[in-house]
């Protein structure tokens, strides 16, 4: 059936969906089930389900070793990891961060009464633009948060220089970047601390989980206490804390998946190269590239479209793919500064590059839940819609107008 012979073959115009089951971005990878079940049996036999048991400690050791840092503090999720790191670093007042990030980066600040100051991204990298950061610094600024989106490395030198010169704390929300490197150095050891996510959608998951990594001994100790209510002894707290502990079963899942990390990355890379090859030459679209001279997890395959070239908006393409059961996703639309409560707080804030990119990119299904044959069909669907962009847009617009009665 694909490429479609006429537009009526597309599901958006009444044809049958290309897939009977939904294809997702970030469908969970599952490692060796037998090894996981052995670990779970041991957890049940020991009757030690949480409170920093042997599997959490082993998981922390393995992550610290993998990214070459001294300390890893595992948490129940990455948002709590961010909140603990922010509090342990003593951030107050204002913190500069990109708007082009998952909303949790901003919420972790707002939750603690800190004002997120949104900065635009650099047009060539789609990452926090150091040249614009300095203009946003005020006497109330206490730190900077960089975000290596899709695992693509930030400008660590420039951000580090700004932080040192202005005596600011530097934190990285590296939720996408486990297994990635910058100039041969693993992401995880930059700034004062970095945060990883092990949410189910990440290529290495612990069902739900996160971690802070750092080379700062004092900071690591402070965060360990914060993670466990501030307890210094069995029945004594010396500071405020929260319940941010990772459970043993989550750590067991994380360890099991870590054992498969090379396999997962190999699959991701193969899918990335297939998308790149099969969409090559399609005018108005491109797969955002990775630096193949660095280590990368390739867990995100990101399509960028040029609506002026193809006569089709990203959202119309997304709608057409969704009804084919290809559940592509907009990352990170519409930008944190255009979401609440931030839009009401900064109603006149305009970030041109953030807004441009947020209107143009789609993340495509990849990982162990997708096959090469399915990717071929997805690419043919994208080609069929894009090559008929003007007509698809016209027909979708006409149907919407008819549905609204206008």
Protein backbone atom coordinates (compact mmCIF):
# COMPACT_ATOMS: atom_id res chain seq x y z
CA UNK A 1 0.00 0.00 0.00
CA UNK A 2 2.87 2.40 0.70
CA UNK A 3 3.73 4.82 -0.73
CA UNK A 4 0.05 5.60 -1.08
CA UNK A 5 -1.33 5.72 -4.59
CA UNK A 6 -3.76 8.48 -3.73
CA UNK A 7 -4.48 10.58 -0.68
CA UNK A 8 -7.66 8.69 0.12
CA UNK A 9 -5.44 5.76 1.11
CA UNK A 10 -4.20 7.80 4.10
CA UNK A 11 -6.06 7.12 7.34
CA UNK A 12 -6.60 10.84 7.86
CA UNK A 13 -8.80 10.78 4.74
CA UNK A 14 -10.61 7.53 5.46
CA UNK A 15 -8.07 4.84 4.61
CA UNK A 16 -7.14 2.00 6.96
CA UNK A 17 -4.37 2.80 9.48
CA UNK A 18 -0.96 1.49 8.50
CA UNK A 19 -0.56 -0.18 11.90
CA UNK A 20 -3.11 -2.01 14.00
CA UNK A 21 -1.07 -1.43 17.17
CA UNK A 22 0.25 1.93 18.28
CA UNK A 23 3.93 2.68 17.84
CA UNK A 24 5.27 4.88 20.62
CA UNK A 25 8.18 7.20 21.26
CA UNK A 26 9.99 5.78 24.27
CA UNK A 27 8.23 2.46 24.64
CA UNK A 28 10.04 0.81 27.57
CA UNK A 29 13.08 -1.31 26.88
CA UNK A 30 13.06 -4.52 28.90
CA UNK A 31 16.34 -6.27 29.67
CA UNK A 32 16.87 -9.93 30.53
CA UNK A 33 13.70 -10.98 32.32
CA UNK A 34 15.27 -14.04 33.95
CA UNK A 35 18.02 -11.96 35.54
CA UNK A 36 15.48 -9.41 36.72
CA UNK A 37 13.29 -12.13 38.23
CA UNK A 38 16.30 -13.59 40.08
CA UNK A 39 16.98 -10.17 41.58
CA UNK A 40 13.33 -9.73 42.58
CA UNK A 41 13.30 -13.14 44.23
CA UNK A 42 16.34 -12.13 46.25
CA UNK A 43 14.64 -8.88 47.29
CA UNK A 44 11.61 -10.83 48.49
CA UNK A 45 13.75 -13.38 50.31
CA UNK A 46 15.70 -10.64 52.09
CA UNK A 47 12.47 -8.71 52.81
CA UNK A 48 14.41 -5.49 52.20
CA UNK A 49 12.25 -3.51 49.82
CA UNK A 50 13.59 0.03 50.23
CA UNK A 51 15.79 2.21 52.48
CA UNK A 52 19.09 1.91 50.60
CA UNK A 53 19.38 -1.82 50.23
CA UNK A 54 22.06 -3.73 48.34
CA UNK A 55 20.58 -3.25 44.88
CA UNK A 56 20.27 0.53 45.23
CA UNK A 57 23.88 0.68 46.41
CA UNK A 58 25.03 -1.50 43.52
CA UNK A 59 23.04 0.59 41.03
CA UNK A 60 24.65 3.78 42.35
CA UNK A 61 28.11 2.22 42.07
CA UNK A 62 27.49 1.07 38.51
CA UNK A 63 26.18 4.45 37.35
CA UNK A 64 29.06 6.34 39.01
CA UNK A 65 31.55 4.00 37.37
CA UNK A 66 29.86 4.23 33.97
CA UNK A 67 29.96 8.05 33.84
CA UNK A 68 33.29 8.27 35.71
CA UNK A 69 32.20 10.32 38.73
CA UNK A 70 32.77 9.82 42.45
CA UNK A 71 29.17 9.87 43.66
CA UNK A 72 25.73 8.78 42.47
CA UNK A 73 22.65 9.40 44.62
CA UNK A 74 19.72 7.36 43.29
CA UNK A 75 16.20 8.74 43.76
CA UNK A 76 12.60 7.72 43.21
CA UNK A 77 12.40 9.91 40.11
CA UNK A 78 14.39 12.59 38.28
CA UNK A 79 12.15 15.46 39.36
CA UNK A 80 12.94 14.73 43.01
CA UNK A 81 16.60 14.43 41.99
CA UNK A 82 16.41 17.93 40.50
CA UNK A 83 14.70 19.32 43.57
CA UNK A 84 17.27 17.79 45.92
CA UNK A 85 20.18 19.03 43.81
CA UNK A 86 18.70 22.54 43.62
CA UNK A 87 18.21 22.68 47.37
CA UNK A 88 21.59 21.15 48.20
CA UNK A 89 23.34 23.67 45.93
CA UNK A 90 21.61 26.47 47.83
CA UNK A 91 19.94 27.98 44.78
CA UNK A 92 17.72 30.96 45.53
CA UNK A 93 16.27 33.99 43.80
CA UNK A 94 16.63 33.44 40.05
CA UNK A 95 18.10 30.63 37.95
CA UNK A 96 18.71 30.84 34.20
CA UNK A 97 17.65 27.85 32.10
CA UNK A 98 16.39 27.09 28.59
CA UNK A 99 12.69 27.21 27.89
CA UNK A 100 13.21 24.41 25.39
CA UNK A 101 13.14 21.59 27.93
CA UNK A 102 10.68 19.32 29.69
CA UNK A 103 8.51 21.27 32.10
CA UNK A 104 9.97 19.47 35.14
CA UNK A 105 13.19 21.48 34.80
CA UNK A 106 11.28 24.70 35.45
CA UNK A 107 8.83 23.20 37.94
CA UNK A 108 11.67 21.94 40.15
CA UNK A 109 12.70 25.56 40.63
CA UNK A 110 9.22 27.08 40.94
CA UNK A 111 8.24 24.40 43.48
CA UNK A 112 10.93 25.79 45.80
CA UNK A 113 10.10 29.45 45.33
CA UNK A 114 12.90 30.10 42.82
CA UNK A 115 12.14 32.14 39.70
CA UNK A 116 12.99 30.38 36.42
CA UNK A 117 14.55 32.90 34.01
CA UNK A 118 14.03 31.50 30.53
CA UNK A 119 16.79 31.87 27.97
CA UNK A 120 16.63 31.23 24.23
CA UNK A 121 18.49 28.42 22.49
CA UNK A 122 21.30 28.74 19.97
CA UNK A 123 19.99 28.37 16.39
CA UNK A 124 22.70 25.92 15.36
CA UNK A 125 22.49 23.57 18.37
CA UNK A 126 18.98 24.02 19.88
CA UNK A 127 20.70 24.15 23.29
CA UNK A 128 21.00 26.88 25.92
CA UNK A 129 22.76 29.84 24.25
CA UNK A 130 25.68 30.99 26.43
CA UNK A 131 25.87 34.29 24.55
CA UNK A 132 22.39 35.14 25.82
CA UNK A 133 22.81 33.80 29.35
CA UNK A 134 25.03 36.63 30.54
CA UNK A 135 22.49 39.27 29.53
CA UNK A 136 19.93 37.63 31.83
CA UNK A 137 22.10 37.59 34.95
CA UNK A 138 21.10 39.89 37.81
CA UNK A 139 22.17 40.30 41.44
CA UNK A 140 19.40 37.78 42.26
CA UNK A 141 20.83 35.06 39.98
CA UNK A 142 22.22 32.11 41.93
CA UNK A 143 22.74 29.52 39.23
CA UNK A 144 22.42 28.19 35.69
CA UNK A 145 20.81 24.95 34.54
CA UNK A 146 21.92 23.54 31.20
CA UNK A 147 20.02 20.79 29.40
CA UNK A 148 21.68 18.44 26.87
CA UNK A 149 18.51 17.89 24.85
CA UNK A 150 18.27 14.51 23.06
CA UNK A 151 21.73 13.74 24.47
CA UNK A 152 23.42 16.47 22.39
CA UNK A 153 26.13 18.08 24.51
CA UNK A 154 25.86 21.62 25.87
CA UNK A 155 28.62 24.19 25.51
CA UNK A 156 30.16 23.13 28.82
CA UNK A 157 33.20 25.38 28.53
CA UNK A 158 31.23 28.57 27.94
CA UNK A 159 28.66 27.83 30.64
CA UNK A 160 31.40 26.82 33.07
CA UNK A 161 33.30 30.02 32.38
CA UNK A 162 30.21 32.15 33.05
CA UNK A 163 29.48 30.26 36.26
CA UNK A 164 33.05 30.66 37.52
CA UNK A 165 33.34 34.32 36.58
CA UNK A 166 30.02 35.18 38.25
CA UNK A 167 30.39 32.72 41.14
CA UNK A 168 27.21 30.88 40.21
CA UNK A 169 26.24 27.25 40.70
CA UNK A 170 26.05 25.16 37.52
CA UNK A 171 23.63 22.23 37.31
CA UNK A 172 22.76 20.08 34.30
CA UNK A 173 19.42 18.36 33.73
CA UNK A 174 20.92 15.48 31.75
CA UNK A 175 17.79 13.32 31.66
CA UNK A 176 18.43 12.49 27.98
CA UNK A 177 22.19 12.11 28.13
CA UNK A 178 23.18 8.89 29.92
CA UNK A 179 25.83 7.19 27.79
CA UNK A 180 26.72 10.34 25.84
CA UNK A 181 30.05 12.14 25.81
CA UNK A 182 31.58 15.55 25.13
CA UNK A 183 35.15 15.73 23.80
CA UNK A 184 35.63 12.15 24.93
CA UNK A 185 34.44 12.81 28.48
CA UNK A 186 31.24 11.21 29.68
CA UNK A 187 28.35 13.53 30.40
CA UNK A 188 27.76 13.35 34.14
CA UNK A 189 30.93 14.97 35.43
CA UNK A 190 30.29 18.56 34.35
CA UNK A 191 29.27 21.51 36.52
CA UNK A 192 28.53 21.07 40.21
CA UNK A 193 26.17 18.16 39.57
CA UNK A 194 24.10 16.49 36.87
CA UNK A 195 20.74 14.72 36.99
CA UNK A 196 19.79 11.58 35.05
CA UNK A 197 16.34 10.10 34.50
CA UNK A 198 15.48 6.41 34.57
CA UNK A 199 11.81 6.92 33.76
CA UNK A 200 10.11 4.17 31.79
CA UNK A 201 10.46 6.16 28.55
CA UNK A 202 14.25 6.45 28.85
CA UNK A 203 16.41 3.91 27.07
CA UNK A 204 17.75 2.72 30.46
CA UNK A 205 14.84 2.62 32.86
CA UNK A 206 14.27 1.54 36.44
CA UNK A 207 10.48 1.56 35.97
CA UNK A 208 10.61 5.04 37.54
CA UNK A 209 13.71 6.64 38.94
CA UNK A 210 16.43 9.25 38.78
CA UNK A 211 19.84 10.11 40.14
CA UNK A 212 22.18 12.99 40.88
CA UNK A 213 25.85 12.51 40.05
CA UNK A 214 28.70 14.70 41.29
CA UNK A 215 32.39 14.78 42.16
CA UNK A 216 31.76 17.04 45.17
CA UNK A 217 32.05 15.01 48.41
CA UNK A 218 30.29 17.56 50.60
CA UNK A 219 27.46 18.06 48.14
CA UNK A 220 26.97 14.30 47.78
CA UNK A 221 26.70 13.84 51.55
CA UNK A 222 24.20 16.66 51.79
CA UNK A 223 22.03 15.14 49.05
CA UNK A 224 22.12 11.67 50.63
CA UNK A 225 20.78 13.13 53.85
CA UNK A 226 18.11 15.13 52.03
CA UNK A 227 16.97 12.03 50.16
CA UNK A 228 16.18 10.28 53.46
CA UNK A 229 14.33 12.93 55.50
CA UNK A 230 17.60 14.43 56.70
CA UNK A 231 18.38 11.47 58.99
CA UNK A 232 21.99 11.39 60.20
CA UNK A 233 21.34 8.54 62.63
CA UNK A 234 18.57 6.03 63.19
CA UNK A 235 16.42 8.49 65.14
CA UNK A 236 18.08 11.86 64.53
CA UNK A 237 17.73 14.51 61.84
CA UNK A 238 20.06 17.49 61.64
CA UNK A 239 18.48 19.14 58.60
CA UNK A 240 15.32 19.18 56.53
CA UNK A 241 14.83 16.39 54.02
CA UNK A 242 12.27 14.51 51.97
CA UNK A 243 11.50 10.95 50.95
CA UNK A 244 13.33 10.64 47.67
CA UNK A 245 14.64 7.08 47.95
CA UNK A 246 14.72 4.63 45.06
CA UNK A 247 13.13 1.25 45.84
CA UNK A 248 15.03 -2.02 45.60
CA UNK A 249 12.85 -3.36 42.79
CA UNK A 250 13.47 -0.21 40.75
CA UNK A 251 17.21 -0.58 41.29
CA UNK A 252 16.96 -4.24 40.23
CA UNK A 253 15.30 -3.15 36.99
CA UNK A 254 17.93 -0.48 36.47
CA UNK A 255 20.78 -2.95 36.97
CA UNK A 256 19.17 -5.44 34.61
CA UNK A 257 18.81 -2.83 31.89
CA UNK A 258 22.34 -1.52 32.42
CA UNK A 259 23.58 -4.99 31.52
CA UNK A 260 21.89 -4.54 28.13
CA UNK A 261 23.06 -0.98 27.47
CA UNK A 262 25.30 -1.86 24.51
CA UNK A 263 22.48 -3.82 22.88
CA UNK A 264 19.98 -0.97 23.36
CA UNK A 265 22.38 1.62 21.96
CA UNK A 266 23.15 -0.60 18.97
CA UNK A 267 19.44 -0.91 18.18
CA UNK A 268 18.91 2.83 18.60
CA UNK A 269 21.85 3.63 16.33
CA UNK A 270 20.65 1.21 13.65
CA UNK A 271 17.19 2.82 13.69
CA UNK A 272 18.67 6.33 13.57
CA UNK A 273 20.75 5.46 10.50
CA UNK A 274 17.76 3.79 8.82
CA UNK A 275 15.56 6.84 9.29
CA UNK A 276 18.40 9.04 8.05
CA UNK A 277 18.88 6.92 4.93
CA UNK A 278 15.22 6.40 4.05
CA UNK A 279 14.28 10.07 4.48
CA UNK A 280 17.36 11.39 2.68
CA UNK A 281 16.52 13.55 -0.30
CA UNK A 282 12.99 14.32 0.90
CA UNK A 283 12.78 18.07 0.46
CA UNK A 284 11.81 20.07 3.51
CA UNK A 285 12.62 17.43 6.13
CA UNK A 286 15.78 16.32 7.88
CA UNK A 287 16.82 14.05 10.73
CA UNK A 288 18.67 16.13 13.31
CA UNK A 289 22.22 14.76 13.31
CA UNK A 290 24.43 13.54 16.13
CA UNK A 291 28.20 13.89 16.34
CA UNK A 292 29.24 10.32 15.61
CA UNK A 293 32.73 11.10 16.89
CA UNK A 294 31.25 11.14 20.40
CA UNK A 295 29.46 8.46 22.37
CA UNK A 296 25.69 8.74 22.09
CA UNK A 297 22.69 6.71 23.19
CA UNK A 298 20.66 7.63 20.06
CA UNK A 299 17.46 7.20 22.06
CA UNK A 300 15.74 10.05 20.19
CA UNK A 301 15.28 10.24 16.44
CA UNK A 302 14.19 13.81 15.77
CA UNK A 303 12.58 14.94 12.52
CA UNK A 304 12.62 18.63 11.65
CA UNK A 305 10.36 19.97 8.94
CA UNK A 306 10.43 23.22 6.98
CA UNK A 307 6.78 24.18 6.49
CA UNK A 308 7.68 26.84 3.93
CA UNK A 309 9.23 24.20 1.68
CA UNK A 310 6.60 21.48 1.95
CA UNK A 311 3.47 23.58 2.43
CA UNK A 312 2.58 21.60 5.51
CA UNK A 313 2.81 22.36 9.21
CA UNK A 314 4.42 19.98 11.67
CA UNK A 315 1.08 19.58 13.46
CA UNK A 316 -0.74 18.46 10.32
CA UNK A 317 1.98 15.88 9.69
CA UNK A 318 1.68 14.77 13.32
CA UNK A 319 -2.09 14.40 12.99
CA UNK A 320 -1.71 12.37 9.80
CA UNK A 321 0.78 10.01 11.47
CA UNK A 322 -1.26 9.67 14.67
CA UNK A 323 -4.27 8.28 12.82
CA UNK A 324 -1.90 5.74 11.22
CA UNK A 325 -1.08 4.71 14.84
CA UNK A 326 2.39 6.26 14.62
CA UNK A 327 2.39 8.27 17.85
CA UNK A 328 5.12 10.79 17.08
CA UNK A 329 5.65 13.48 19.75
CA UNK A 330 6.36 17.21 19.87
CA UNK A 331 9.48 17.92 21.99
CA UNK A 332 9.24 20.45 23.66
CA UNK A 333 6.12 22.25 22.51
CA UNK A 334 5.27 25.04 23.10
CA UNK A 335 8.28 25.89 25.32
CA UNK A 336 8.10 26.27 29.09
CA UNK A 337 7.69 30.05 28.86
CA UNK A 338 4.41 29.57 27.01
CA UNK A 339 3.01 27.13 29.60
CA UNK A 340 1.46 27.94 32.95
CA UNK A 341 2.22 29.33 35.41
CA UNK A 342 5.08 30.90 33.48
CA UNK A 343 3.11 32.41 30.61
CA UNK A 344 1.03 34.42 33.07
CA UNK A 345 4.18 35.51 34.91
CA UNK A 346 6.02 36.51 31.73
CA UNK A 347 3.23 37.25 29.20
CA UNK A 348 5.42 39.37 26.93
CA UNK A 349 8.42 37.05 26.81
CA UNK A 350 9.37 36.08 23.26
CA UNK A 351 12.09 33.51 22.55
CA UNK A 352 12.31 33.35 18.75
CA UNK A 353 14.51 30.28 18.32
CA UNK A 354 12.71 28.28 21.00
CA UNK A 355 9.35 29.06 19.41
CA UNK A 356 10.60 28.32 15.89
CA UNK A 357 12.07 24.94 16.79
CA UNK A 358 9.13 23.96 18.99
CA UNK A 359 6.89 24.35 15.92
CA UNK A 360 9.09 22.22 13.65
CA UNK A 361 10.33 19.06 15.38
CA UNK A 362 8.85 15.61 15.92
CA UNK A 363 10.34 12.64 17.75
CA UNK A 364 9.86 9.36 15.88
CA UNK A 365 9.30 5.85 17.28
CA UNK A 366 12.53 3.94 17.95
CA UNK A 367 14.04 1.54 20.46
CA UNK A 368 13.37 -2.15 20.98
CA UNK A 369 9.63 -1.70 20.45
CA UNK A 370 10.05 -0.89 16.73
CA UNK A 371 11.25 -3.05 13.84
CA UNK A 372 13.16 -2.12 10.69
CA UNK A 373 10.13 -3.09 8.62
CA UNK A 374 7.92 -0.74 10.62
CA UNK A 375 10.41 2.10 10.19
CA UNK A 376 10.30 1.61 6.43
CA UNK A 377 6.52 2.01 6.47
CA UNK A 378 6.77 5.09 8.73
CA UNK A 379 9.23 6.70 6.31
CA UNK A 380 6.99 5.94 3.33
CA UNK A 381 4.05 7.48 5.19
CA UNK A 382 6.06 10.59 5.95
CA UNK A 383 7.13 10.79 2.30
CA UNK A 384 3.58 10.41 1.03
CA UNK A 385 2.26 13.17 3.29
CA UNK A 386 5.19 15.55 2.76
CA UNK A 387 5.32 15.15 -1.02
CA UNK A 388 1.63 16.06 -1.13
CA UNK A 389 1.95 18.70 1.58
CA UNK A 390 -0.04 21.48 -0.05
CA UNK A 391 -2.95 19.23 -0.97
CA UNK A 392 -2.95 17.49 2.42
CA UNK A 393 -3.03 20.87 4.16
CA UNK A 394 -5.86 22.06 1.93
CA UNK A 395 -7.97 18.99 2.56
CA UNK A 396 -7.33 18.96 6.31
CA UNK A 397 -8.20 22.66 6.47
CA UNK A 398 -11.39 22.11 4.51
CA UNK A 399 -12.44 19.23 6.78
CA UNK A 400 -11.79 21.30 9.89
CA UNK A 401 -13.79 24.18 8.48
CA UNK A 402 -16.65 21.83 7.63
CA UNK A 403 -16.56 20.29 11.10
CA UNK A 404 -16.73 23.73 12.74
CA UNK A 405 -19.58 24.80 10.52
CA UNK A 406 -17.71 27.79 9.12
